[in-house]
Amino acid sequence: MKLTEEEIKRVKGLGCLKDKRYNDVFNVRVLTVNGKLTADKINTIAKASELFGSGEVALTVRQTAEIQGVKYENLEKLFAYLNEKGLDCGGTGPKVRPVVSCKGTTCQYGLIDTYSLSEKIHERFYKGYHDTVLPHKFKIAVGGCPNNCVKPDLNDIGIIGSCIPEISKENHCMGCKSCGVENTCPMKAARLTEGKISIDASLCNGCGRCIGKCPFKVITAPKQMGYTVYIGGRWGKKANRGSYFCTASSEEEVLDVIEKLILFFRDNGTPGERFADTVNRLNKDNFIQNKILC
């Protein structure tokens, strides 16, 4: 079957990417929420691939499942089968894309509940803004700590869990010959100088590894973990590492920041322009210094 460009474009907007080897065969993206699927949904995807595709399923770099080898004539049947089981297709077009998240909720280094935050972002922005057309695709990623396993700062918006340690005013540094805090710090920001521990804020990346390493409890964790927000990142032909925008103190504040940034992009970006280009065009330093909300 020879398809028209209009037909190909229409189904691409539904999450179906044409297999360049054939005229009427597509690979169909099935959404997950931060890469998680129940055993039942995994079985459903596998069965759908056997019924309507080639029997193969590929995983995308943004944590969606892609059913391979679906003929154009089977697309509607596939959609109906998946929808009946509570699964949706999509993840393409000039709009908010599916959220990517690391496993910070359960990872030993995780500082924030990445599952909780990414699920809220998915509901509010992927689903809630699904009909909002933006100048270009818009990617959001959530990382649990500065290890950056899912590269949050290479997304249009990246959220990274952070923990800025504090030096206790009540407990006093004993000047141990072998300081657990100094020895643990991967950034060499913690230094024992003249028998007292200090932390160089310009070197500290907020990883929190030093917390609990002092037996005298000189280094303590802040009462709340922080959410560091980066903007204007992207990878690809014109890779760009995002710039620090602000630090939020709660999930609700993060969601408000994201919403205002998306609306800013919608209202100020030009068609075909990525968010990084919008920020740079409007003077990145001024944009960040005069934050639109933080």
C-alpha atoms as a PDB file:
ATOM      1  CA  MET A   1       0.000   0.000   0.000  1.00  0.00           C
ATOM      2  CA  LYS A   2       1.365   3.389  -1.017  1.00  0.00           C
ATOM      3  CA  LEU A   3       0.563   5.988   1.636  1.00  0.00           C
ATOM      4  CA  THR A   4       0.345   9.732   1.119  1.00  0.00           C
ATOM      5  CA  GLU A   5       2.507  12.160   3.082  1.00  0.00           C
ATOM      6  CA  GLU A   6      -0.638  13.379   4.838  1.00  0.00           C
ATOM      7  CA  GLU A   7      -1.460   9.850   6.046  1.00  0.00           C
ATOM      8  CA  ILE A   8       2.095   9.312   7.275  1.00  0.00           C
ATOM      9  CA  LYS A   9       2.090  12.661   9.077  1.00  0.00           C
ATOM     10  CA  ARG A  10      -1.275  11.967  10.695  1.00  0.00           C
ATOM     11  CA  VAL A  11      -0.255   8.674  12.266  1.00  0.00           C
ATOM     12  CA  LYS A  12       3.144  10.054  13.271  1.00  0.00           C
ATOM     13  CA  GLY A  13       1.237  12.468  15.488  1.00  0.00           C
ATOM     14  CA  LEU A  14      -0.330   9.419  17.134  1.00  0.00           C
ATOM     15  CA  GLY A  15       3.040   7.891  17.970  1.00  0.00           C
ATOM     16  CA  CYS A  16       3.596   5.810  14.820  1.00  0.00           C
ATOM     17  CA  LEU A  17       6.970   6.162  13.109  1.00  0.00           C
ATOM     18  CA  LYS A  18       7.297   4.850   9.585  1.00  0.00           C
ATOM     19  CA  ASP A  19       9.769   2.023   9.053  1.00  0.00           C
ATOM     20  CA  LYS A  20      11.904   3.376   6.195  1.00  0.00           C
ATOM     21  CA  ARG A  21      12.275  -0.110   4.731  1.00  0.00           C
ATOM     22  CA  TYR A  22       8.596  -0.333   3.828  1.00  0.00           C
ATOM     23  CA  ASN A  23       5.816   1.846   2.451  1.00  0.00           C
ATOM     24  CA  ASP A  24       3.085   0.983   4.950  1.00  0.00           C
ATOM     25  CA  VAL A  25       4.780  -0.389   8.091  1.00  0.00           C
ATOM     26  CA  PHE A  26       5.168   1.531  11.366  1.00  0.00           C
ATOM     27  CA  ASN A  27       6.800   1.223  14.751  1.00  0.00           C
ATOM     28  CA  VAL A  28       4.279   2.302  17.385  1.00  0.00           C
ATOM     29  CA  ARG A  29       5.285   3.947  20.666  1.00  0.00           C
ATOM     30  CA  VAL A  30       3.429   2.805  23.779  1.00  0.00           C
ATOM     31  CA  LEU A  31       3.652   5.171  26.730  1.00  0.00           C
ATOM     32  CA  THR A  32       4.975   4.348  30.160  1.00  0.00           C
ATOM     33  CA  VAL A  33       5.106   6.591  33.213  1.00  0.00           C
ATOM     34  CA  ASN A  34       8.810   7.140  33.983  1.00  0.00           C
ATOM     35  CA  GLY A  35       9.674   3.761  32.498  1.00  0.00           C
ATOM     36  CA  LYS A  36       7.485   1.676  34.790  1.00  0.00           C
ATOM     37  CA  LEU A  37       4.996  -0.954  33.630  1.00  0.00           C
ATOM     38  CA  THR A  38       3.025  -3.579  35.513  1.00  0.00           C
ATOM     39  CA  ALA A  39       3.562  -7.215  34.593  1.00  0.00           C
ATOM     40  CA  ASP A  40       0.043  -7.221  33.115  1.00  0.00           C
ATOM     41  CA  LYS A  41       0.806  -4.272  30.831  1.00  0.00           C
ATOM     42  CA  ILE A  42       4.096  -5.826  29.736  1.00  0.00           C
ATOM     43  CA  ASN A  43       2.179  -8.965  28.763  1.00  0.00           C
ATOM     44  CA  THR A  44      -0.389  -6.825  26.932  1.00  0.00           C
ATOM     45  CA  ILE A  45       2.323  -5.086  24.883  1.00  0.00           C
ATOM     46  CA  ALA A  46       3.946  -8.422  24.057  1.00  0.00           C
ATOM     47  CA  LYS A  47       0.611  -9.914  22.987  1.00  0.00           C
ATOM     48  CA  ALA A  48      -0.222  -6.794  20.923  1.00  0.00           C
ATOM     49  CA  SER A  49       3.074  -7.131  19.105  1.00  0.00           C
ATOM     50  CA  GLU A  50       2.284 -10.742  18.263  1.00  0.00           C
ATOM     51  CA  LEU A  51      -1.252  -9.894  17.082  1.00  0.00           C
ATOM     52  CA  PHE A  52      -0.618  -6.717  15.119  1.00  0.00           C
ATOM     53  CA  GLY A  53       3.143  -6.345  14.663  1.00  0.00           C
ATOM     54  CA  SER A  54       6.257  -8.349  13.972  1.00  0.00           C
ATOM     55  CA  GLY A  55       6.407  -9.896  17.442  1.00  0.00           C
ATOM     56  CA  GLU A  56       9.253  -7.595  18.464  1.00  0.00           C
ATOM     57  CA  VAL A  57       9.272  -4.770  21.032  1.00  0.00           C
ATOM     58  CA  ALA A  58      12.037  -2.163  21.268  1.00  0.00           C
ATOM     59  CA  LEU A  59      12.737   0.213  24.161  1.00  0.00           C
ATOM     60  CA  THR A  60      13.262   3.871  23.293  1.00  0.00           C
ATOM     61  CA  VAL A  61      15.777   6.204  24.898  1.00  0.00           C
ATOM     62  CA  ARG A  62      12.881   8.028  26.596  1.00  0.00           C
ATOM     63  CA  GLN A  63      11.613   4.923  28.373  1.00  0.00           C
ATOM     64  CA  THR A  64       8.685   4.064  26.114  1.00  0.00           C
ATOM     65  CA  ALA A  65       8.022   0.680  24.506  1.00  0.00           C
ATOM     66  CA  GLU A  66       7.874   0.513  20.710  1.00  0.00           C
ATOM     67  CA  ILE A  67       5.877  -2.224  18.991  1.00  0.00           C
ATOM     68  CA  GLN A  68       7.692  -3.069  15.780  1.00  0.00           C
ATOM     69  CA  GLY A  69       6.381  -3.853  12.309  1.00  0.00           C
ATOM     70  CA  VAL A  70       2.727  -2.766  12.463  1.00  0.00           C
ATOM     71  CA  LYS A  71       1.029  -2.465   9.071  1.00  0.00           C
ATOM     72  CA  TYR A  72      -1.011   0.670   8.436  1.00  0.00           C
ATOM     73  CA  GLU A  73      -4.209  -1.371   8.130  1.00  0.00           C
ATOM     74  CA  ASN A  74      -3.673  -2.731  11.661  1.00  0.00           C
ATOM     75  CA  LEU A  75      -3.044   0.558  13.455  1.00  0.00           C
ATOM     76  CA  GLU A  76      -6.620   1.234  14.551  1.00  0.00           C
ATOM     77  CA  LYS A  77      -7.015  -2.352  15.771  1.00  0.00           C
ATOM     78  CA  LEU A  78      -3.804  -1.982  17.759  1.00  0.00           C
ATOM     79  CA  PHE A  79      -4.954   1.310  19.318  1.00  0.00           C
ATOM     80  CA  ALA A  80      -8.277  -0.239  20.357  1.00  0.00           C
ATOM     81  CA  TYR A  81      -6.584  -3.305  21.856  1.00  0.00           C
ATOM     82  CA  LEU A  82      -4.126  -1.216  23.892  1.00  0.00           C
ATOM     83  CA  ASN A  83      -6.720   1.316  25.032  1.00  0.00           C
ATOM     84  CA  GLU A  84      -8.947  -1.471  26.320  1.00  0.00           C
ATOM     85  CA  LYS A  85      -6.039  -2.554  28.540  1.00  0.00           C
ATOM     86  CA  GLY A  86      -5.318   0.980  29.791  1.00  0.00           C
ATOM     87  CA  LEU A  87      -2.367   1.740  27.519  1.00  0.00           C
ATOM     88  CA  ASP A  88      -1.900   4.736  25.213  1.00  0.00           C
ATOM     89  CA  CYS A  89       0.296   5.500  22.231  1.00  0.00           C
ATOM     90  CA  GLY A  90       1.990   8.813  21.499  1.00  0.00           C
ATOM     91  CA  GLY A  91       5.125  10.720  22.421  1.00  0.00           C
ATOM     92  CA  THR A  92       5.704  12.626  19.183  1.00  0.00           C
ATOM     93  CA  GLY A  93       5.076  16.109  17.810  1.00  0.00           C
ATOM     94  CA  PRO A  94       5.682  19.731  18.951  1.00  0.00           C
ATOM     95  CA  LYS A  95       4.408  19.266  22.475  1.00  0.00           C
ATOM     96  CA  VAL A  96       5.465  18.086  25.917  1.00  0.00           C
ATOM     97  CA  ARG A  97       7.032  14.668  25.502  1.00  0.00           C
ATOM     98  CA  PRO A  98       6.855  11.700  27.935  1.00  0.00           C
ATOM     99  CA  VAL A  99       8.823  12.367  31.101  1.00  0.00           C
ATOM    100  CA  VAL A 100      12.074  10.517  31.742  1.00  0.00           C
ATOM    101  CA  SER A 101      13.063   9.634  35.302  1.00  0.00           C
ATOM    102  CA  CYS A 102      15.866   7.783  37.023  1.00  0.00           C
ATOM    103  CA  LYS A 103      15.208   5.318  39.855  1.00  0.00           C
ATOM    104  CA  GLY A 104      16.093   7.839  42.562  1.00  0.00           C
ATOM    105  CA  THR A 105      13.188   6.714  44.733  1.00  0.00           C
ATOM    106  CA  THR A 106      14.897   3.371  45.367  1.00  0.00           C
ATOM    107  CA  CYS A 107      18.528   4.142  44.428  1.00  0.00           C
ATOM    108  CA  GLN A 108      21.046   4.392  47.271  1.00  0.00           C
ATOM    109  CA  TYR A 109      22.109   7.822  46.032  1.00  0.00           C
ATOM    110  CA  GLY A 110      18.618   9.211  45.408  1.00  0.00           C
ATOM    111  CA  LEU A 111      17.815  12.414  47.296  1.00  0.00           C
ATOM    112  CA  ILE A 112      14.226  12.904  46.118  1.00  0.00           C
ATOM    113  CA  ASP A 113      11.248  10.715  45.250  1.00  0.00           C
ATOM    114  CA  THR A 114      11.713  10.712  41.482  1.00  0.00           C
ATOM    115  CA  TYR A 115       8.766   8.354  40.883  1.00  0.00           C
ATOM    116  CA  SER A 116       6.334  10.644  42.677  1.00  0.00           C
ATOM    117  CA  LEU A 117       7.532  13.824  40.982  1.00  0.00           C
ATOM    118  CA  SER A 118       7.734  12.367  37.467  1.00  0.00           C
ATOM    119  CA  GLU A 119       4.252  10.859  37.756  1.00  0.00           C
ATOM    120  CA  LYS A 120       2.852  14.263  38.742  1.00  0.00           C
ATOM    121  CA  ILE A 121       4.698  15.910  35.830  1.00  0.00           C
ATOM    122  CA  HIS A 122       3.302  13.245  33.473  1.00  0.00           C
ATOM    123  CA  GLU A 123      -0.282  13.826  34.628  1.00  0.00           C
ATOM    124  CA  ARG A 124      -0.131  17.614  34.686  1.00  0.00           C
ATOM    125  CA  PHE A 125       1.935  18.315  31.605  1.00  0.00           C
ATOM    126  CA  TYR A 126       2.099  15.322  29.265  1.00  0.00           C
ATOM    127  CA  LYS A 127      -1.594  14.558  29.695  1.00  0.00           C
ATOM    128  CA  GLY A 128      -2.870  17.966  30.783  1.00  0.00           C
ATOM    129  CA  TYR A 129      -1.049  19.862  28.036  1.00  0.00           C
ATOM    130  CA  HIS A 130      -1.449  17.204  25.366  1.00  0.00           C
ATOM    131  CA  ASP A 131      -3.448  19.494  23.088  1.00  0.00           C
ATOM    132  CA  THR A 132      -1.122  22.473  23.618  1.00  0.00           C
ATOM    133  CA  VAL A 133       0.963  23.011  20.490  1.00  0.00           C
ATOM    134  CA  LEU A 134       4.444  24.385  21.237  1.00  0.00           C
ATOM    135  CA  PRO A 135       7.101  25.820  18.891  1.00  0.00           C
ATOM    136  CA  HIS A 136       8.977  22.504  19.090  1.00  0.00           C
ATOM    137  CA  LYS A 137       9.141  19.301  21.130  1.00  0.00           C
ATOM    138  CA  PHE A 138       9.647  19.866  24.847  1.00  0.00           C
ATOM    139  CA  LYS A 139      11.486  17.317  26.975  1.00  0.00           C
ATOM    140  CA  ILE A 140      11.530  17.035  30.769  1.00  0.00           C
ATOM    141  CA  ALA A 141      13.716  14.724  32.873  1.00  0.00           C
ATOM    142  CA  VAL A 142      13.982  14.071  36.606  1.00  0.00           C
ATOM    143  CA  GLY A 143      17.199  12.905  38.256  1.00  0.00           C
ATOM    144  CA  GLY A 144      17.465  11.868  41.879  1.00  0.00           C
ATOM    145  CA  CYS A 145      20.958  13.212  42.490  1.00  0.00           C
ATOM    146  CA  PRO A 146      23.867  15.004  40.775  1.00  0.00           C
ATOM    147  CA  ASN A 147      25.071  11.713  39.265  1.00  0.00           C
ATOM    148  CA  ASN A 148      22.809  12.731  36.336  1.00  0.00           C
ATOM    149  CA  CYS A 149      22.189   9.177  35.145  1.00  0.00           C
ATOM    150  CA  VAL A 150      19.290  10.261  32.892  1.00  0.00           C
ATOM    151  CA  LYS A 151      21.063  13.499  31.907  1.00  0.00           C
ATOM    152  CA  PRO A 152      18.415  15.943  33.186  1.00  0.00           C
ATOM    153  CA  ASP A 153      20.500  18.961  32.172  1.00  0.00           C
ATOM    154  CA  LEU A 154      20.376  17.825  28.528  1.00  0.00           C
ATOM    155  CA  ASN A 155      16.601  18.327  28.456  1.00  0.00           C
ATOM    156  CA  ASP A 156      14.527  21.450  27.918  1.00  0.00           C
ATOM    157  CA  ILE A 157      13.823  21.306  31.651  1.00  0.00           C
ATOM    158  CA  GLY A 158      15.833  19.124  34.016  1.00  0.00           C
ATOM    159  CA  ILE A 159      15.153  18.614  37.712  1.00  0.00           C
ATOM    160  CA  ILE A 160      17.944  17.244  39.880  1.00  0.00           C
ATOM    161  CA  GLY A 161      17.669  16.279  43.541  1.00  0.00           C
ATOM    162  CA  SER A 162      20.163  18.119  45.720  1.00  0.00           C
ATOM    163  CA  CYS A 163      21.167  18.217  49.366  1.00  0.00           C
ATOM    164  CA  ILE A 164      23.282  21.129  50.570  1.00  0.00           C
ATOM    165  CA  PRO A 165      24.953  20.023  53.830  1.00  0.00           C
ATOM    166  CA  GLU A 166      25.045  22.304  56.836  1.00  0.00           C
ATOM    167  CA  ILE A 167      27.692  22.620  59.537  1.00  0.00           C
ATOM    168  CA  SER A 168      26.083  22.213  62.937  1.00  0.00           C
ATOM    169  CA  LYS A 169      26.153  25.175  65.296  1.00  0.00           C
ATOM    170  CA  GLU A 170      25.622  22.896  68.266  1.00  0.00           C
ATOM    171  CA  ASN A 171      28.127  20.112  67.599  1.00  0.00           C
ATOM    172  CA  HIS A 172      31.799  20.990  67.270  1.00  0.00           C
ATOM    173  CA  CYS A 173      34.386  19.575  64.885  1.00  0.00           C
ATOM    174  CA  MET A 174      36.958  17.480  66.751  1.00  0.00           C
ATOM    175  CA  GLY A 175      39.594  17.774  64.029  1.00  0.00           C
ATOM    176  CA  CYS A 176      39.965  14.019  63.516  1.00  0.00           C
ATOM    177  CA  LYS A 177      43.204  13.020  61.791  1.00  0.00           C
ATOM    178  CA  SER A 178      41.165  11.012  59.307  1.00  0.00           C
ATOM    179  CA  CYS A 179      38.030  13.002  58.580  1.00  0.00           C
ATOM    180  CA  GLY A 180      35.166  10.902  57.195  1.00  0.00           C
ATOM    181  CA  VAL A 181      33.536  13.956  55.659  1.00  0.00           C
ATOM    182  CA  GLU A 182      36.676  15.092  53.839  1.00  0.00           C
ATOM    183  CA  ASN A 183      37.492  11.566  52.697  1.00  0.00           C
ATOM    184  CA  THR A 184      33.974  10.964  51.359  1.00  0.00           C
ATOM    185  CA  CYS A 185      33.450  14.173  49.389  1.00  0.00           C
ATOM    186  CA  PRO A 186      33.810  13.356  45.657  1.00  0.00           C
ATOM    187  CA  MET A 187      34.103  17.033  44.744  1.00  0.00           C
ATOM    188  CA  LYS A 188      36.867  17.836  47.283  1.00  0.00           C
ATOM    189  CA  ALA A 189      34.613  20.589  48.614  1.00  0.00           C
ATOM    190  CA  ALA A 190      34.950  19.472  52.245  1.00  0.00           C
ATOM    191  CA  ARG A 191      38.310  20.382  53.748  1.00  0.00           C
ATOM    192  CA  LEU A 192      39.753  20.103  57.231  1.00  0.00           C
ATOM    193  CA  THR A 193      41.672  23.326  57.782  1.00  0.00           C
ATOM    194  CA  GLU A 194      43.397  24.137  61.080  1.00  0.00           C
ATOM    195  CA  GLY A 195      41.428  21.418  62.788  1.00  0.00           C
ATOM    196  CA  LYS A 196      38.002  22.555  61.568  1.00  0.00           C
ATOM    197  CA  ILE A 197      35.841  21.237  58.744  1.00  0.00           C
ATOM    198  CA  SER A 198      34.579  23.631  56.104  1.00  0.00           C
ATOM    199  CA  ILE A 199      32.650  23.220  52.860  1.00  0.00           C
ATOM    200  CA  ASP A 200      33.454  25.246  49.751  1.00  0.00           C
ATOM    201  CA  ALA A 201      30.036  26.126  48.326  1.00  0.00           C
ATOM    202  CA  SER A 202      31.561  26.829  44.912  1.00  0.00           C
ATOM    203  CA  LEU A 203      32.709  23.183  44.664  1.00  0.00           C
ATOM    204  CA  CYS A 204      29.854  21.394  46.452  1.00  0.00           C
ATOM    205  CA  ASN A 205      27.447  19.748  43.979  1.00  0.00           C
ATOM    206  CA  GLY A 206      24.815  18.889  46.576  1.00  0.00           C
ATOM    207  CA  CYS A 207      25.224  15.114  46.325  1.00  0.00           C
ATOM    208  CA  GLY A 208      24.812  14.619  50.084  1.00  0.00           C
ATOM    209  CA  ARG A 209      27.466  11.891  50.313  1.00  0.00           C
ATOM    210  CA  CYS A 210      28.998  13.588  53.357  1.00  0.00           C
ATOM    211  CA  ILE A 211      25.803  13.384  55.424  1.00  0.00           C
ATOM    212  CA  GLY A 212      26.229  11.013  58.362  1.00  0.00           C
ATOM    213  CA  LYS A 213      29.978  10.575  57.835  1.00  0.00           C
ATOM    214  CA  CYS A 214      30.925  12.573  60.924  1.00  0.00           C
ATOM    215  CA  PRO A 215      30.534  10.540  64.153  1.00  0.00           C
ATOM    216  CA  PHE A 216      30.069  13.801  66.069  1.00  0.00           C
ATOM    217  CA  LYS A 217      27.215  14.924  63.800  1.00  0.00           C
ATOM    218  CA  VAL A 218      28.989  18.098  62.735  1.00  0.00           C
ATOM    219  CA  ILE A 219      27.628  17.769  59.191  1.00  0.00           C
ATOM    220  CA  THR A 220      23.850  17.635  59.047  1.00  0.00           C
ATOM    221  CA  ALA A 221      21.311  17.419  56.249  1.00  0.00           C
ATOM    222  CA  PRO A 222      18.975  20.337  55.605  1.00  0.00           C
ATOM    223  CA  LYS A 223      15.406  19.907  56.817  1.00  0.00           C
ATOM    224  CA  GLN A 224      14.231  19.664  53.205  1.00  0.00           C
ATOM    225  CA  MET A 225      15.907  18.272  50.130  1.00  0.00           C
ATOM    226  CA  GLY A 226      16.148  20.660  47.208  1.00  0.00           C
ATOM    227  CA  TYR A 227      15.044  20.402  43.588  1.00  0.00           C
ATOM    228  CA  THR A 228      17.549  22.103  41.296  1.00  0.00           C
ATOM    229  CA  VAL A 229      15.991  23.222  38.016  1.00  0.00           C
ATOM    230  CA  TYR A 230      18.018  23.514  34.795  1.00  0.00           C
ATOM    231  CA  ILE A 231      16.684  24.961  31.559  1.00  0.00           C
ATOM    232  CA  GLY A 232      17.643  24.996  27.892  1.00  0.00           C
ATOM    233  CA  GLY A 233      19.416  21.679  27.588  1.00  0.00           C
ATOM    234  CA  ARG A 234      19.308  19.357  24.569  1.00  0.00           C
ATOM    235  CA  TRP A 235      21.313  16.675  22.839  1.00  0.00           C
ATOM    236  CA  GLY A 236      21.690  15.893  19.165  1.00  0.00           C
ATOM    237  CA  LYS A 237      23.385  17.815  16.382  1.00  0.00           C
ATOM    238  CA  LYS A 238      23.479  20.998  18.461  1.00  0.00           C
ATOM    239  CA  ALA A 239      24.026  19.626  21.960  1.00  0.00           C
ATOM    240  CA  ASN A 240      23.688  22.148  24.746  1.00  0.00           C
ATOM    241  CA  ARG A 241      24.028  21.662  28.483  1.00  0.00           C
ATOM    242  CA  GLY A 242      21.249  23.394  30.402  1.00  0.00           C
ATOM    243  CA  SER A 243      21.825  26.371  32.669  1.00  0.00           C
ATOM    244  CA  TYR A 244      20.934  26.613  36.343  1.00  0.00           C
ATOM    245  CA  PHE A 245      17.610  28.384  36.758  1.00  0.00           C
ATOM    246  CA  CYS A 246      16.518  28.032  40.375  1.00  0.00           C
ATOM    247  CA  THR A 247      16.229  25.692  43.345  1.00  0.00           C
ATOM    248  CA  ALA A 248      12.743  24.738  44.512  1.00  0.00           C
ATOM    249  CA  SER A 249      11.893  23.402  47.970  1.00  0.00           C
ATOM    250  CA  SER A 250       8.869  21.204  47.147  1.00  0.00           C
ATOM    251  CA  GLU A 251       7.243  19.196  44.372  1.00  0.00           C
ATOM    252  CA  GLU A 252       4.464  21.788  44.147  1.00  0.00           C
ATOM    253  CA  GLU A 253       6.977  24.564  43.544  1.00  0.00           C
ATOM    254  CA  VAL A 254       8.712  22.489  40.864  1.00  0.00           C
ATOM    255  CA  LEU A 255       5.394  21.940  39.081  1.00  0.00           C
ATOM    256  CA  ASP A 256       4.645  25.669  39.160  1.00  0.00           C
ATOM    257  CA  VAL A 257       8.098  26.453  37.741  1.00  0.00           C
ATOM    258  CA  ILE A 258       7.610  23.945  34.907  1.00  0.00           C
ATOM    259  CA  GLU A 259       4.179  25.311  34.048  1.00  0.00           C
ATOM    260  CA  LYS A 260       5.359  28.901  33.775  1.00  0.00           C
ATOM    261  CA  LEU A 261       8.348  27.884  31.659  1.00  0.00           C
ATOM    262  CA  ILE A 262       6.164  25.876  29.262  1.00  0.00           C
ATOM    263  CA  LEU A 263       3.730  28.776  28.898  1.00  0.00           C
ATOM    264  CA  PHE A 264       6.635  31.167  28.386  1.00  0.00           C
ATOM    265  CA  PHE A 265       7.922  28.952  25.577  1.00  0.00           C
ATOM    266  CA  ARG A 266       4.459  28.701  24.046  1.00  0.00           C
ATOM    267  CA  ASP A 267       4.049  32.476  24.026  1.00  0.00           C
ATOM    268  CA  ASN A 268       7.599  33.576  23.143  1.00  0.00           C
ATOM    269  CA  GLY A 269       9.138  30.813  21.025  1.00  0.00           C
ATOM    270  CA  THR A 270       9.004  30.846  17.251  1.00  0.00           C
ATOM    271  CA  PRO A 271       7.915  27.794  15.181  1.00  0.00           C
ATOM    272  CA  GLY A 272      10.730  25.251  14.826  1.00  0.00           C
ATOM    273  CA  GLU A 273      12.766  26.793  17.641  1.00  0.00           C
ATOM    274  CA  ARG A 274      13.894  24.728  20.644  1.00  0.00           C
ATOM    275  CA  PHE A 275      13.559  26.183  24.121  1.00  0.00           C
ATOM    276  CA  ALA A 276      17.347  26.658  24.375  1.00  0.00           C
ATOM    277  CA  ASP A 277      17.223  28.869  21.272  1.00  0.00           C
ATOM    278  CA  THR A 278      14.337  30.888  22.689  1.00  0.00           C
ATOM    279  CA  VAL A 279      16.239  31.525  25.914  1.00  0.00           C
ATOM    280  CA  ASN A 280      19.426  32.466  24.051  1.00  0.00           C
ATOM    281  CA  ARG A 281      17.561  34.708  21.625  1.00  0.00           C
ATOM    282  CA  LEU A 282      16.004  36.597  24.529  1.00  0.00           C
ATOM    283  CA  ASN A 283      19.389  36.939  26.283  1.00  0.00           C
ATOM    284  CA  LYS A 284      20.038  33.922  28.488  1.00  0.00           C
ATOM    285  CA  ASP A 285      21.807  35.795  31.301  1.00  0.00           C
ATOM    286  CA  ASN A 286      19.018  38.331  31.608  1.00  0.00           C
ATOM    287  CA  PHE A 287      16.387  35.603  31.404  1.00  0.00           C
ATOM    288  CA  ILE A 288      17.978  33.647  34.260  1.00  0.00           C
ATOM    289  CA  GLN A 289      18.834  36.644  36.460  1.00  0.00           C
ATOM    290  CA  ASN A 290      15.322  38.063  36.147  1.00  0.00           C
ATOM    291  CA  LYS A 291      13.574  34.748  36.682  1.00  0.00           C
ATOM    292  CA  ILE A 292      10.003  34.586  35.527  1.00  0.00           C
ATOM    293  CA  LEU A 293       9.049  33.270  38.910  1.00  0.00           C
ATOM    294  CA  CYS A 294      11.638  31.904  41.351  1.00  0.00           C
END
